[in-house]
Protein backbone atom coordinates (compact mmCIF):
# COMPACT_ATOMS: atom_id res chain seq x y z
CA MET A 1 -49.84 48.95 3.85
CA ALA A 2 -48.90 45.90 5.89
CA THR A 3 -50.72 43.63 3.46
CA HIS A 4 -48.85 45.23 0.50
CA THR A 5 -45.47 44.68 2.26
CA SER A 6 -46.30 41.06 3.03
CA THR A 7 -47.23 40.50 -0.62
CA LEU A 8 -43.92 42.00 -1.75
CA PHE A 9 -42.01 39.72 0.66
CA ALA A 10 -43.94 36.66 -0.55
CA VAL A 11 -43.26 37.48 -4.18
CA GLY A 12 -39.61 38.06 -3.41
CA ALA A 13 -39.34 34.74 -1.58
CA VAL A 14 -40.97 32.87 -4.46
CA GLY A 15 -38.69 34.64 -6.93
CA LEU A 16 -35.62 33.71 -4.86
CA LEU A 17 -36.71 30.11 -4.60
CA LEU A 18 -37.29 29.97 -8.37
CA GLY A 19 -33.86 31.50 -9.02
CA LEU A 20 -32.14 29.02 -6.75
CA THR A 21 -34.00 26.13 -8.39
CA LEU A 22 -32.96 27.31 -11.81
CA LEU A 23 -29.35 27.67 -10.60
CA VAL A 24 -29.29 24.09 -9.30
CA LEU A 25 -30.78 22.79 -12.52
CA ALA A 26 -28.23 24.77 -14.57
CA LYS A 27 -25.38 23.38 -12.54
CA ARG A 28 -26.70 19.83 -13.07
CA VAL A 29 -26.98 20.38 -16.79
CA VAL A 30 -23.40 21.77 -16.97
CA ARG A 31 -22.05 18.93 -14.78
CA GLY A 32 -23.83 16.31 -16.86
CA ARG A 33 -22.45 17.77 -20.03
CA ALA A 34 -18.93 17.82 -18.58
CA GLU A 35 -19.23 14.18 -17.49
CA ARG A 36 -20.45 13.14 -20.93
CA ARG A 37 -17.54 14.98 -22.54
CA SER A 38 -15.13 13.35 -20.09
CA ARG A 39 -16.44 9.86 -20.97
CA GLN A 40 -16.15 10.64 -24.63
CA ARG A 41 -12.55 11.77 -24.27
CA ARG A 42 -11.58 8.60 -22.41
CA VAL A 43 -13.21 6.41 -25.01
CA ALA A 44 -11.45 8.43 -27.75
CA TRP A 45 -8.04 7.81 -26.18
CA VAL A 46 -8.60 4.06 -25.99
CA ALA A 47 -9.94 3.97 -29.51
CA ALA A 48 -7.04 6.00 -30.90
CA LEU A 49 -4.56 3.61 -29.37
CA GLY A 50 -6.45 0.59 -30.62
CA THR A 51 -4.56 -2.66 -31.00
CA GLY A 52 -1.67 -3.61 -33.21
CA ALA A 53 0.40 -1.11 -35.16
CA VAL A 54 -0.59 2.53 -34.83
CA THR A 55 -1.87 3.81 -38.20
CA ASP A 56 -1.50 7.38 -39.48
CA MET A 57 -5.20 7.96 -38.83
CA ARG A 58 -4.83 6.93 -35.20
CA LEU A 59 -1.68 9.08 -34.79
CA LYS A 60 -3.67 12.04 -36.00
CA GLN A 61 -6.34 11.28 -33.40
CA LEU A 62 -3.76 10.96 -30.66
CA ARG A 63 -2.22 14.32 -31.58
CA ALA A 64 -5.67 15.96 -31.45
CA LEU A 65 -6.36 14.51 -28.07
CA GLY A 66 -2.91 15.59 -26.90
CA ARG A 67 -3.54 19.15 -28.09
CA GLU A 68 -6.76 19.22 -26.11
CA ALA A 69 -5.01 17.95 -23.02
CA ALA A 70 -2.35 20.65 -23.48
CA ARG A 71 -5.03 23.35 -23.33
CA ARG A 72 -7.63 22.01 -20.90
CA ALA A 73 -7.28 20.97 -17.26
CA ALA A 74 -10.34 18.74 -17.53
CA ALA A 75 -8.71 16.80 -20.40
CA GLN A 76 -5.57 16.32 -18.27
CA GLU A 77 -7.72 14.94 -15.47
CA ASP A 78 -9.24 12.42 -17.88
CA LEU A 79 -5.80 11.38 -18.96
CA LEU A 80 -4.79 10.88 -15.32
CA ALA A 81 -7.89 8.72 -14.79
CA LEU A 82 -6.84 6.56 -17.77
CA LEU A 83 -3.39 6.25 -16.29
CA ASP A 84 -4.94 5.11 -13.00
CA SER A 85 -6.89 2.45 -14.86
CA GLY A 86 -3.74 1.17 -16.52
CA ARG A 87 -5.12 1.62 -20.06
CA VAL A 88 -2.43 4.09 -20.99
CA PRO A 89 0.42 4.34 -21.70
CA PRO A 90 0.72 1.17 -23.79
CA HIS A 91 3.58 -1.15 -22.93
CA ASP A 92 4.16 -2.73 -26.33
CA ASP A 93 5.20 -1.47 -29.75
CA ARG A 94 2.55 1.29 -29.58
CA ARG A 95 4.38 3.06 -26.74
CA GLN A 96 6.92 4.94 -28.88
CA PRO A 97 4.40 6.24 -31.40
CA PHE A 98 2.13 7.20 -28.52
CA GLN A 99 4.82 9.27 -26.85
CA ASN A 100 5.90 10.84 -30.19
CA ALA A 101 2.33 11.91 -30.79
CA LEU A 102 2.11 13.53 -27.38
CA ARG A 103 5.33 15.45 -27.93
CA ARG A 104 4.21 16.64 -31.38
CA SER A 105 0.82 17.72 -29.92
CA GLY A 106 2.55 20.18 -27.59
CA LEU A 107 1.47 18.41 -24.44
CA GLN A 108 5.05 18.04 -23.17
CA ARG A 109 5.64 21.79 -23.62
CA ALA A 110 2.40 22.52 -21.79
CA LEU A 111 3.42 20.26 -18.89
CA ARG A 112 6.86 21.91 -18.67
CA SER A 113 5.14 25.25 -18.39
CA ALA A 114 2.65 23.94 -15.82
CA CYS A 115 5.52 22.76 -13.59
CA THR A 116 6.27 26.45 -12.92
CA SER A 117 2.63 27.55 -12.81
CA ARG A 118 1.32 29.75 -9.99
CA SER A 119 -1.37 27.12 -9.40
CA ALA A 120 -0.35 24.34 -7.02
CA VAL A 121 -2.92 21.99 -8.59
CA ALA A 122 -1.46 22.57 -12.02
CA ARG A 123 2.12 21.91 -10.79
CA GLY A 124 1.21 18.68 -9.06
CA ARG A 125 -0.92 17.41 -11.95
CA ALA A 126 1.81 18.22 -14.43
CA ALA A 127 4.42 16.29 -12.39
CA LEU A 128 2.25 13.23 -12.23
CA LEU A 129 1.31 13.31 -15.91
CA TRP A 130 4.83 13.81 -17.14
CA ALA A 131 6.23 10.90 -15.13
CA ARG A 132 3.40 8.48 -15.67
CA LEU A 133 3.22 9.08 -19.36
CA GLY A 134 6.89 8.18 -19.57
CA LEU A 135 7.92 11.34 -21.35
CA GLY A 136 11.64 12.11 -21.40
CA GLY A 137 13.26 14.60 -19.06
CA ALA A 138 10.69 14.04 -16.28
CA GLU A 139 13.29 13.78 -13.48
CA ARG A 140 14.90 17.17 -14.28
CA MET A 141 11.54 18.97 -14.35
CA ILE A 142 10.07 17.26 -11.27
CA ALA A 143 13.08 17.41 -8.96
CA PRO A 144 12.69 21.14 -8.14
CA LEU A 145 9.08 20.51 -7.03
CA MET A 146 10.42 18.41 -4.15
CA ALA A 147 11.15 21.79 -2.45
CA ASP A 148 7.80 23.34 -3.48
CA ALA A 149 6.08 25.55 -0.91
CA ASP A 150 2.88 23.50 -1.20
CA PRO A 151 2.93 20.13 0.64
CA ASP A 152 0.50 18.57 -1.84
CA VAL A 153 2.79 19.42 -4.73
CA ARG A 154 5.73 17.89 -2.84
CA ALA A 155 3.67 14.72 -2.31
CA ALA A 156 2.75 14.57 -6.00
CA ALA A 157 6.39 15.07 -6.99
CA THR A 158 7.47 12.34 -4.63
CA GLN A 159 4.99 9.93 -6.22
CA ALA A 160 5.99 11.06 -9.73
CA LEU A 161 9.65 10.42 -9.19
CA ALA A 162 8.91 6.92 -7.90
CA CYS A 163 7.00 6.32 -11.13
CA CYS A 164 10.12 7.29 -13.10
CA GLY A 165 12.07 4.45 -11.40
CA SER A 166 15.53 5.62 -12.44
CA ASP A 167 18.85 6.47 -10.80
CA GLU A 168 18.18 10.12 -11.39
CA ALA A 169 14.79 9.91 -9.72
CA ALA A 170 16.26 8.02 -6.76
CA TRP A 171 18.89 10.76 -6.27
CA ALA A 172 16.22 13.47 -6.40
CA LEU A 173 14.30 11.66 -3.66
CA LEU A 174 17.46 11.14 -1.62
CA HIS A 175 18.38 14.80 -1.84
CA ALA A 176 14.92 15.76 -0.66
CA LEU A 177 15.33 13.33 2.26
CA ARG A 178 18.76 14.76 3.15
CA ASP A 179 17.54 18.38 2.88
CA GLY A 180 14.36 17.79 4.87
CA HIS A 181 11.94 18.91 2.17
CA VAL A 182 9.66 15.87 2.60
CA ALA A 183 8.82 13.74 5.64
CA PRO A 184 11.35 10.83 5.72
CA GLU A 185 8.62 8.22 5.86
CA ARG A 186 7.11 9.52 2.60
CA VAL A 187 10.50 9.33 0.80
CA VAL A 188 11.40 5.93 2.17
CA GLU A 189 8.13 4.35 1.13
CA ARG A 190 8.89 5.41 -2.47
CA LEU A 191 12.49 4.05 -2.52
CA THR A 192 11.39 0.45 -2.36
CA GLY A 193 12.18 -0.84 -5.85
CA ALA A 194 15.33 -2.50 -7.17
CA TRP A 195 15.98 0.70 -9.15
CA ALA A 196 16.70 2.54 -5.91
CA ALA A 197 19.13 0.09 -4.38
CA SER A 198 22.37 1.30 -5.98
CA PRO A 199 21.77 5.01 -5.18
CA LEU A 200 20.86 4.04 -1.62
CA LEU A 201 24.04 2.06 -1.12
CA GLN A 202 26.12 4.87 -2.57
CA ALA A 203 24.42 7.51 -0.34
CA LEU A 204 24.97 5.33 2.68
CA HIS A 205 28.74 5.97 2.34
CA GLU A 206 28.58 9.66 1.50
CA PRO A 207 29.30 12.07 4.42
CA GLY A 208 26.50 14.40 3.36
CA PHE A 209 23.91 11.73 4.14
CA LEU A 210 25.19 10.93 7.60
CA PRO A 211 22.24 12.62 9.38
CA VAL A 212 19.78 10.36 7.53
CA ARG A 213 21.70 7.06 7.63
CA ALA A 214 19.01 5.44 9.77
CA TRP A 215 16.40 6.22 7.07
CA LEU A 216 18.69 4.89 4.38
CA ALA A 217 18.92 1.64 6.29
CA GLU A 218 15.12 1.49 6.47
CA ALA A 219 14.85 2.01 2.69
CA LEU A 220 17.54 -0.59 1.94
CA GLY A 221 15.52 -3.17 3.85
CA LEU A 222 12.41 -2.32 1.84
CA ALA A 223 14.38 -2.42 -1.44
CA GLY A 224 15.36 -5.99 -0.63
CA ASP A 225 18.87 -5.88 -2.22
CA ALA A 226 21.20 -8.47 -0.76
CA ARG A 227 24.18 -6.16 -1.38
CA ALA A 228 23.03 -4.06 1.53
CA GLU A 229 23.64 -6.79 4.12
CA ALA A 230 27.28 -5.94 4.84
CA SER A 231 26.57 -2.24 5.34
CA LEU A 232 23.58 -3.01 7.55
CA VAL A 233 25.53 -5.46 9.67
CA ASP A 234 28.21 -2.79 10.18
CA MET A 235 25.52 -0.32 11.20
CA VAL A 236 24.14 -2.76 13.78
CA VAL A 237 27.60 -3.05 15.30
CA ARG A 238 28.75 0.56 15.12
CA GLY A 239 25.76 2.78 14.47
CA ALA A 240 23.87 5.12 16.76
CA VAL A 241 20.72 3.84 18.49
CA GLU A 242 18.27 4.81 15.75
CA GLU A 243 20.60 3.42 13.12
CA ARG A 244 20.90 0.07 14.98
CA ILE A 245 17.10 -0.12 15.28
CA ARG A 246 16.42 0.41 11.64
CA ALA A 247 19.37 -1.69 10.49
CA CYS A 248 18.02 -4.64 12.53
CA ARG A 249 14.64 -4.16 10.99
CA ALA A 250 16.16 -4.04 7.49
CA LEU A 251 18.17 -7.21 8.08
CA GLY A 252 14.98 -8.95 9.14
CA ARG A 253 13.36 -7.89 5.88
CA LEU A 254 16.31 -9.20 3.92
CA SER A 255 16.03 -12.51 5.84
CA ARG A 256 19.51 -13.71 5.01
CA PRO A 257 20.87 -16.55 7.18
CA THR A 258 24.28 -14.85 7.26
CA SER A 259 22.83 -12.06 9.37
CA PHE A 260 22.02 -14.47 12.21
CA ALA A 261 25.16 -13.87 14.31
CA THR A 262 24.82 -10.09 14.19
CA LEU A 263 21.19 -10.15 15.16
CA ALA A 264 21.78 -12.64 17.94
CA THR A 265 24.46 -10.35 19.32
CA ALA A 266 22.08 -7.38 19.07
CA LEU A 267 19.79 -9.16 21.55
CA GLU A 268 22.30 -8.04 24.19
CA ASP A 269 22.23 -4.37 23.08
CA ARG A 270 21.92 -1.77 25.86
CA SER A 271 18.90 -0.28 24.05
CA ALA A 272 15.58 -2.04 24.63
CA ALA A 273 14.37 -0.84 21.26
CA VAL A 274 17.34 -2.45 19.50
CA ARG A 275 16.80 -5.69 21.42
CA ALA A 276 13.11 -5.71 20.39
CA GLN A 277 13.92 -5.12 16.74
CA ALA A 278 16.61 -7.79 16.82
CA ALA A 279 14.10 -10.28 18.18
CA ARG A 280 11.63 -9.33 15.46
CA ALA A 281 14.29 -9.72 12.78
CA LEU A 282 15.19 -13.18 14.13
CA ALA A 283 11.55 -14.12 13.84
CA ASP A 284 11.74 -13.17 10.15
CA LEU A 285 14.86 -15.42 9.79
CA GLY A 286 13.14 -18.31 11.58
CA ASP A 287 16.48 -19.87 12.55
CA PRO A 288 16.14 -22.45 15.38
CA ARG A 289 19.61 -21.52 16.60
CA SER A 290 18.18 -18.33 18.06
CA VAL A 291 15.83 -20.11 20.43
CA LYS A 292 18.23 -20.19 23.40
CA ALA A 293 19.15 -16.52 23.10
CA LEU A 294 15.57 -15.43 22.68
CA ALA A 295 14.31 -17.54 25.61
CA GLY A 296 16.86 -15.80 27.80
CA LEU A 297 15.11 -12.47 27.20
CA LEU A 298 11.63 -13.54 28.33
CA ASP A 299 12.42 -11.84 31.63
CA ASP A 300 13.76 -8.61 30.04
CA ASP A 301 13.04 -5.42 31.96
CA SER A 302 11.12 -4.07 28.93
CA TRP A 303 7.60 -5.45 28.26
CA TRP A 304 8.14 -4.57 24.61
CA VAL A 305 11.20 -6.81 24.40
CA ARG A 306 9.36 -9.61 26.14
CA ALA A 307 6.49 -9.36 23.74
CA ARG A 308 8.75 -9.39 20.67
CA VAL A 309 10.76 -12.31 22.03
CA ALA A 310 7.60 -14.38 22.60
CA ASP A 311 6.39 -13.59 19.10
CA ALA A 312 9.74 -14.60 17.69
CA LEU A 313 9.72 -17.91 19.54
CA ARG A 314 6.28 -18.64 18.14
CA ALA A 315 7.41 -17.75 14.62
CA ILE A 316 10.38 -20.16 14.82
CA GLY A 317 8.06 -23.15 15.22
CA ARG A 318 8.30 -26.32 17.33
CA LYS A 319 11.56 -25.50 19.11
CA GLY A 320 10.34 -22.00 19.91
CA LEU A 321 7.01 -23.29 21.21
CA ALA A 322 8.81 -25.84 23.36
CA ALA A 323 10.91 -23.05 24.89
CA LEU A 324 7.74 -21.06 25.61
CA ALA A 325 6.13 -24.07 27.18
CA GLN A 326 9.09 -24.68 29.43
CA ALA A 327 9.19 -21.01 30.45
CA ALA A 328 5.44 -21.02 31.20
CA ASP A 329 5.94 -24.04 33.49
CA GLU A 330 9.34 -23.37 35.06
CA HIS A 331 10.59 -19.83 34.66
CA PRO A 332 11.20 -18.12 38.02
CA ASP A 333 10.15 -14.69 36.74
CA PRO A 334 6.34 -14.19 36.83
CA PHE A 335 6.37 -11.72 34.00
CA ALA A 336 8.21 -14.25 31.82
CA ARG A 337 5.75 -16.99 32.72
CA GLU A 338 2.79 -14.70 32.00
CA ARG A 339 4.13 -13.68 28.58
CA ALA A 340 4.91 -17.28 27.65
CA ILE A 341 1.42 -18.40 28.64
CA GLU A 342 -0.17 -15.56 26.61
CA ALA A 343 1.93 -16.48 23.55
CA LEU A 344 1.02 -20.17 23.81
CA GLY A 345 -2.65 -19.20 24.14
CA LEU A 346 -2.48 -17.88 20.58
CA GLU A 347 -1.54 -21.31 19.20
CA PRO A 348 -4.11 -23.89 18.05
CA ALA A 349 -4.72 -26.74 20.43
CA GLY A 350 -3.19 -29.27 18.04
CA ALA A 351 0.18 -27.51 18.03
CA LEU A 352 0.20 -27.44 21.81
CA ALA A 353 -0.75 -31.09 22.09
CA ALA A 354 2.26 -31.96 19.98
CA LEU A 355 4.47 -30.38 22.62
CA GLY A 356 3.48 -32.99 25.22
CA ALA A 357 1.92 -32.86 28.63
CA ARG A 358 4.12 -30.07 29.96
CA GLY A 359 3.00 -27.59 27.28
CA ALA A 360 -0.64 -28.37 27.80
CA MET A 361 -0.31 -28.04 31.60
CA ALA A 362 1.45 -24.69 31.16
CA THR A 363 -1.29 -23.16 29.10
CA ALA A 364 -4.03 -24.60 31.31
CA ALA A 365 -2.45 -22.85 34.31
């Protein structure tokens, strides 16, 4: 009886092993077939676009591919991969026929429906496809997804709106920032193009955006629009602490010489964080006029300020290095001397030799 039971167990184990092996092989076959089909679809898209004017035959092929993408998630993933590679959409005379073919194929209708799908993956994928394909009406369909319950969908919508690069897209991002739907850092990093500058400047003066003014300042610095300078200067003078910090950082990124006086004054701010950001911004300006004011902060109570000041003096060049060498040799405060010596130690020997004997002696000490 025991022998019979053992035999049954052995046969069962072999059968289970065989079944699992067949299952693995079947999955490999299915995956291989799906990968081959995916490669074929991508090649077909590129071939249908071709070069030069889009012929009727190629338009027919594009519509067929669009219909497949409207029905199949895998085909949409292939289209996203082509978008990542930069091979679509075309940026020449083929763009308009390409978009017309996609609309006629029903893909745009399918994406509109997918934006309200119960599947978070479908909603996020639809937002990215609509925006990156350059199909009309993307902003209106994507904006509601900024308040989606799924964080990944909100992230996809944020990226998609940045791809749109329009006033309407910028306002959708700004409203999400104001309403707290998306982390401020994620919104600000998308509002970095010239397309976002005008909406940012307008929002800066609207009462509804007062709670997020500091983040608007951050975004304006990243956008790099010189028109923001006056508003940022005013924020450094009159803003709350967080606003002054981010406004100083933004002015440094703009690197306009006319911001020098404001940033030099900010070195005397009661907030150590503001003083540190002002020093960093002055490093970006590289104006030798700031050397005296910066050197006066080498003995600041905050180590962070001392570090930023030393970095700024190094960035300014010869005059800044000379101030560091003098502080390393003569400053009465030991922390100031230590920070100056550390900063000089980061410079190549040739730069220190050019300062003269005093600088060399200071670093040797």
